[in-house]
Amino acid sequence: MRLFLLLIIVAIVLGIIGFAVHGLFYLLVIGALVLAVDLVYGAMRVRRGGRRHRRVR
């Protein structure tokens, strides 16, 4: 969960910097890509999140 939230924050910061600073449009694109990958990661985690394996002692 921490990784998911960290990637969301990174994507937002990169998007803001890429939008605000002239000539750094590529940061906006990278931020959008990070956000898309993070949403796919989160969806995959939610889809298979209910099954927990028990530890054998």
PDB file of N, CA and C in Angstrom:
ATOM      1  N   MET A   1       0.815  -1.183   0.000  1.00  0.00           N
ATOM      2  CA  MET A   1       0.000   0.000   0.000  1.00  0.00           C
ATOM      3  C   MET A   1       0.866   1.257   0.000  1.00  0.00           C
ATOM      4  N   ARG A   2       1.982   1.199   0.706  1.00  0.00           N
ATOM      5  CA  ARG A   2       2.866   2.364   0.728  1.00  0.00           C
ATOM      6  C   ARG A   2       3.453   2.644  -0.647  1.00  0.00           C
ATOM      7  N   LEU A   3       3.809   1.592  -1.360  1.00  0.00           N
ATOM      8  CA  LEU A   3       4.362   1.762  -2.701  1.00  0.00           C
ATOM      9  C   LEU A   3       3.340   2.410  -3.622  1.00  0.00           C
ATOM     10  N   PHE A   4       2.094   1.984  -3.524  1.00  0.00           N
ATOM     11  CA  PHE A   4       1.021   2.544  -4.345  1.00  0.00           C
ATOM     12  C   PHE A   4       0.876   4.043  -4.079  1.00  0.00           C
ATOM     13  N   LEU A   5       0.824   4.432  -2.821  1.00  0.00           N
ATOM     14  CA  LEU A   5       0.665   5.840  -2.478  1.00  0.00           C
ATOM     15  C   LEU A   5       1.897   6.657  -2.855  1.00  0.00           C
ATOM     16  N   LEU A   6       3.074   6.086  -2.678  1.00  0.00           N
ATOM     17  CA  LEU A   6       4.300   6.787  -3.055  1.00  0.00           C
ATOM     18  C   LEU A   6       4.336   7.059  -4.555  1.00  0.00           C
ATOM     19  N   LEU A   7       3.941   6.070  -5.352  1.00  0.00           N
ATOM     20  CA  LEU A   7       3.932   6.259  -6.798  1.00  0.00           C
ATOM     21  C   LEU A   7       2.883   7.273  -7.232  1.00  0.00           C
ATOM     22  N   ILE A   8       1.752   7.335  -6.535  1.00  0.00           N
ATOM     23  CA  ILE A   8       0.740   8.349  -6.830  1.00  0.00           C
ATOM     24  C   ILE A   8       1.308   9.739  -6.568  1.00  0.00           C
ATOM     25  N   ILE A   9       1.982   9.907  -5.439  1.00  0.00           N
ATOM     26  CA  ILE A   9       2.568  11.207  -5.094  1.00  0.00           C
ATOM     27  C   ILE A   9       3.639  11.595  -6.098  1.00  0.00           C
ATOM     28  N   VAL A  10       4.490  10.651  -6.479  1.00  0.00           N
ATOM     29  CA  VAL A  10       5.539  10.931  -7.467  1.00  0.00           C
ATOM     30  C   VAL A  10       4.926  11.349  -8.800  1.00  0.00           C
ATOM     31  N   ALA A  11       3.878  10.666  -9.229  1.00  0.00           N
ATOM     32  CA  ALA A  11       3.226  11.006 -10.495  1.00  0.00           C
ATOM     33  C   ALA A  11       2.626  12.401 -10.443  1.00  0.00           C
ATOM     34  N   ILE A  12       2.012  12.764  -9.321  1.00  0.00           N
ATOM     35  CA  ILE A  12       1.422  14.096  -9.196  1.00  0.00           C
ATOM     36  C   ILE A  12       2.497  15.176  -9.209  1.00  0.00           C
ATOM     37  N   VAL A  13       3.578  14.959  -8.473  1.00  0.00           N
ATOM     38  CA  VAL A  13       4.660  15.948  -8.428  1.00  0.00           C
ATOM     39  C   VAL A  13       5.299  16.109  -9.801  1.00  0.00           C
ATOM     40  N   LEU A  14       5.582  15.009 -10.486  1.00  0.00           N
ATOM     41  CA  LEU A  14       6.162  15.105 -11.826  1.00  0.00           C
ATOM     42  C   LEU A  14       5.213  15.813 -12.790  1.00  0.00           C
ATOM     43  N   GLY A  15       3.930  15.538 -12.674  1.00  0.00           N
ATOM     44  CA  GLY A  15       2.955  16.202 -13.529  1.00  0.00           C
ATOM     45  C   GLY A  15       2.898  17.691 -13.285  1.00  0.00           C
ATOM     46  N   ILE A  16       2.919  18.098 -12.031  1.00  0.00           N
ATOM     47  CA  ILE A  16       2.881  19.533 -11.704  1.00  0.00           C
ATOM     48  C   ILE A  16       4.134  20.234 -12.203  1.00  0.00           C
ATOM     49  N   ILE A  17       5.293  19.638 -11.960  1.00  0.00           N
ATOM     50  CA  ILE A  17       6.546  20.245 -12.424  1.00  0.00           C
ATOM     51  C   ILE A  17       6.580  20.307 -13.948  1.00  0.00           C
ATOM     52  N   GLY A  18       6.160  19.225 -14.596  1.00  0.00           N
ATOM     53  CA  GLY A  18       6.159  19.194 -16.058  1.00  0.00           C
ATOM     54  C   GLY A  18       5.196  20.193 -16.664  1.00  0.00           C
ATOM     55  N   PHE A  19       4.093  20.461 -15.984  1.00  0.00           N
ATOM     56  CA  PHE A  19       3.124  21.431 -16.485  1.00  0.00           C
ATOM     57  C   PHE A  19       3.581  22.866 -16.220  1.00  0.00           C
ATOM     58  N   ALA A  20       4.200  23.094 -15.073  1.00  0.00           N
ATOM     59  CA  ALA A  20       4.526  24.455 -14.656  1.00  0.00           C
ATOM     60  C   ALA A  20       5.806  24.999 -15.294  1.00  0.00           C
ATOM     61  N   VAL A  21       6.804  24.167 -15.484  1.00  0.00           N
ATOM     62  CA  VAL A  21       8.105  24.633 -15.967  1.00  0.00           C
ATOM     63  C   VAL A  21       8.151  24.516 -17.486  1.00  0.00           C
ATOM     64  N   HIS A  22       8.472  25.620 -18.128  1.00  0.00           N
ATOM     65  CA  HIS A  22       8.557  25.639 -19.583  1.00  0.00           C
ATOM     66  C   HIS A  22       9.726  24.771 -20.045  1.00  0.00           C
ATOM     67  N   GLY A  23       9.474  23.871 -20.987  1.00  0.00           N
ATOM     68  CA  GLY A  23      10.519  23.028 -21.540  1.00  0.00           C
ATOM     69  C   GLY A  23      10.659  21.677 -20.858  1.00  0.00           C
ATOM     70  N   LEU A  24       9.882  21.412 -19.827  1.00  0.00           N
ATOM     71  CA  LEU A  24       9.971  20.126 -19.146  1.00  0.00           C
ATOM     72  C   LEU A  24       8.684  19.324 -19.323  1.00  0.00           C
ATOM     73  N   PHE A  25       8.142  19.369 -20.525  1.00  0.00           N
ATOM     74  CA  PHE A  25       6.907  18.643 -20.827  1.00  0.00           C
ATOM     75  C   PHE A  25       7.092  17.145 -20.674  1.00  0.00           C
ATOM     76  N   TYR A  26       8.320  16.673 -20.882  1.00  0.00           N
ATOM     77  CA  TYR A  26       8.578  15.238 -20.764  1.00  0.00           C
ATOM     78  C   TYR A  26       8.320  14.750 -19.346  1.00  0.00           C
ATOM     79  N   LEU A  27       8.472  15.608 -18.334  1.00  0.00           N
ATOM     80  CA  LEU A  27       8.159  15.197 -16.966  1.00  0.00           C
ATOM     81  C   LEU A  27       6.669  14.957 -16.792  1.00  0.00           C
ATOM     82  N   LEU A  28       5.851  15.749 -17.478  1.00  0.00           N
ATOM     83  CA  LEU A  28       4.408  15.529 -17.442  1.00  0.00           C
ATOM     84  C   LEU A  28       4.063  14.185 -18.056  1.00  0.00           C
ATOM     85  N   VAL A  29       4.720  13.842 -19.153  1.00  0.00           N
ATOM     86  CA  VAL A  29       4.488  12.553 -19.805  1.00  0.00           C
ATOM     87  C   VAL A  29       4.950  11.406 -18.904  1.00  0.00           C
ATOM     88  N   ILE A  30       6.107  11.545 -18.287  1.00  0.00           N
ATOM     89  CA  ILE A  30       6.612  10.513 -17.379  1.00  0.00           C
ATOM     90  C   ILE A  30       5.671  10.364 -16.181  1.00  0.00           C
ATOM     91  N   GLY A  31       5.171  11.470 -15.653  1.00  0.00           N
ATOM     92  CA  GLY A  31       4.219  11.418 -14.548  1.00  0.00           C
ATOM     93  C   GLY A  31       2.952  10.681 -14.930  1.00  0.00           C
ATOM     94  N   ALA A  32       2.458  10.918 -16.152  1.00  0.00           N
ATOM     95  CA  ALA A  32       1.253  10.224 -16.621  1.00  0.00           C
ATOM     96  C   ALA A  32       1.521   8.729 -16.771  1.00  0.00           C
ATOM     97  N   LEU A  33       2.697   8.369 -17.265  1.00  0.00           N
ATOM     98  CA  LEU A  33       3.040   6.953 -17.397  1.00  0.00           C
ATOM     99  C   LEU A  33       3.165   6.265 -16.033  1.00  0.00           C
ATOM    100  N   VAL A  34       3.785   6.951 -15.078  1.00  0.00           N
ATOM    101  CA  VAL A  34       3.909   6.391 -13.732  1.00  0.00           C
ATOM    102  C   VAL A  34       2.526   6.197 -13.118  1.00  0.00           C
ATOM    103  N   LEU A  35       1.641   7.160 -13.324  1.00  0.00           N
ATOM    104  CA  LEU A  35       0.281   7.044 -12.806  1.00  0.00           C
ATOM    105  C   LEU A  35      -0.453   5.859 -13.436  1.00  0.00           C
ATOM    106  N   ALA A  36      -0.309   5.683 -14.746  1.00  0.00           N
ATOM    107  CA  ALA A  36      -0.976   4.570 -15.422  1.00  0.00           C
ATOM    108  C   ALA A  36      -0.453   3.222 -14.920  1.00  0.00           C
ATOM    109  N   VAL A  37       0.854   3.102 -14.781  1.00  0.00           N
ATOM    110  CA  VAL A  37       1.444   1.854 -14.284  1.00  0.00           C
ATOM    111  C   VAL A  37       0.999   1.598 -12.842  1.00  0.00           C
ATOM    112  N   ASP A  38       0.934   2.647 -12.053  1.00  0.00           N
ATOM    113  CA  ASP A  38       0.515   2.504 -10.667  1.00  0.00           C
ATOM    114  C   ASP A  38      -0.943   2.067 -10.560  1.00  0.00           C
ATOM    115  N   LEU A  39      -1.801   2.584 -11.412  1.00  0.00           N
ATOM    116  CA  LEU A  39      -3.207   2.178 -11.387  1.00  0.00           C
ATOM    117  C   LEU A  39      -3.369   0.718 -11.809  1.00  0.00           C
ATOM    118  N   VAL A  40      -2.578   0.274 -12.782  1.00  0.00           N
ATOM    119  CA  VAL A  40      -2.616  -1.138 -13.180  1.00  0.00           C
ATOM    120  C   VAL A  40      -2.120  -2.019 -12.038  1.00  0.00           C
ATOM    121  N   TYR A  41      -1.058  -1.599 -11.379  1.00  0.00           N
ATOM    122  CA  TYR A  41      -0.524  -2.335 -10.230  1.00  0.00           C
ATOM    123  C   TYR A  41      -1.567  -2.424  -9.112  1.00  0.00           C
ATOM    124  N   GLY A  42      -2.228  -1.309  -8.832  1.00  0.00           N
ATOM    125  CA  GLY A  42      -3.255  -1.306  -7.795  1.00  0.00           C
ATOM    126  C   GLY A  42      -4.432  -2.190  -8.145  1.00  0.00           C
ATOM    127  N   ALA A  43      -4.841  -2.183  -9.402  1.00  0.00           N
ATOM    128  CA  ALA A  43      -5.958  -3.026  -9.828  1.00  0.00           C
ATOM    129  C   ALA A  43      -5.598  -4.503  -9.717  1.00  0.00           C
ATOM    130  N   MET A  44      -4.384  -4.861 -10.077  1.00  0.00           N
ATOM    131  CA  MET A  44      -3.958  -6.254  -9.961  1.00  0.00           C
ATOM    132  C   MET A  44      -3.907  -6.682  -8.500  1.00  0.00           C
ATOM    133  N   ARG A  45      -3.484  -5.790  -7.633  1.00  0.00           N
ATOM    134  CA  ARG A  45      -3.416  -6.097  -6.206  1.00  0.00           C
ATOM    135  C   ARG A  45      -4.792  -6.296  -5.605  1.00  0.00           C
ATOM    136  N   VAL A  46      -5.750  -5.475  -6.017  1.00  0.00           N
ATOM    137  CA  VAL A  46      -7.108  -5.598  -5.498  1.00  0.00           C
ATOM    138  C   VAL A  46      -7.756  -6.879  -6.016  1.00  0.00           C
ATOM    139  N   ARG A  47      -7.484  -7.213  -7.261  1.00  0.00           N
ATOM    140  CA  ARG A  47      -8.096  -8.393  -7.873  1.00  0.00           C
ATOM    141  C   ARG A  47      -7.705  -9.676  -7.147  1.00  0.00           C
ATOM    142  N   ARG A  48      -6.443  -9.804  -6.770  1.00  0.00           N
ATOM    143  CA  ARG A  48      -5.987 -11.034  -6.115  1.00  0.00           C
ATOM    144  C   ARG A  48      -5.718 -10.846  -4.625  1.00  0.00           C
ATOM    145  N   GLY A  49      -6.235  -9.782  -4.038  1.00  0.00           N
ATOM    146  CA  GLY A  49      -5.917  -9.448  -2.653  1.00  0.00           C
ATOM    147  C   GLY A  49      -6.584 -10.307  -1.610  1.00  0.00           C
ATOM    148  N   GLY A  50      -7.668 -10.999  -1.928  1.00  0.00           N
ATOM    149  CA  GLY A  50      -8.413 -11.740  -0.929  1.00  0.00           C
ATOM    150  C   GLY A  50      -7.776 -13.039  -0.484  1.00  0.00           C
ATOM    151  N   ARG A  51      -6.905 -13.580  -1.271  1.00  0.00           N
ATOM    152  CA  ARG A  51      -6.299 -14.880  -0.950  1.00  0.00           C
ATOM    153  C   ARG A  51      -4.993 -14.685  -0.194  1.00  0.00           C
ATOM    154  N   ARG A  52      -4.978 -15.121   1.037  1.00  0.00           N
ATOM    155  CA  ARG A  52      -3.752 -15.059   1.856  1.00  0.00           C
ATOM    156  C   ARG A  52      -3.279 -16.480   2.095  1.00  0.00           C
ATOM    157  N   HIS A  53      -2.005 -16.723   1.910  1.00  0.00           N
ATOM    158  CA  HIS A  53      -1.446 -18.052   2.130  1.00  0.00           C
ATOM    159  C   HIS A  53      -1.032 -18.176   3.586  1.00  0.00           C
ATOM    160  N   ARG A  54      -1.324 -19.326   4.151  1.00  0.00           N
ATOM    161  CA  ARG A  54      -0.931 -19.571   5.536  1.00  0.00           C
ATOM    162  C   ARG A  54       0.504 -20.041   5.590  1.00  0.00           C
ATOM    163  N   ARG A  55       1.184 -19.611   6.614  1.00  0.00           N
ATOM    164  CA  ARG A  55       2.573 -20.053   6.806  1.00  0.00           C
ATOM    165  C   ARG A  55       2.600 -21.407   7.462  1.00  0.00           C
ATOM    166  N   VAL A  56       3.477 -22.242   6.979  1.00  0.00           N
ATOM    167  CA  VAL A  56       3.666 -23.567   7.573  1.00  0.00           C
ATOM    168  C   VAL A  56       4.794 -23.451   8.583  1.00  0.00           C
ATOM    169  N   ARG A  57       4.529 -23.900   9.806  1.00  0.00           N
ATOM    170  CA  ARG A  57       5.556 -23.801  10.849  1.00  0.00           C
ATOM    171  C   ARG A  57       6.218 -25.123  11.076  1.00  0.00           C
TER     172      ARG A  57
END
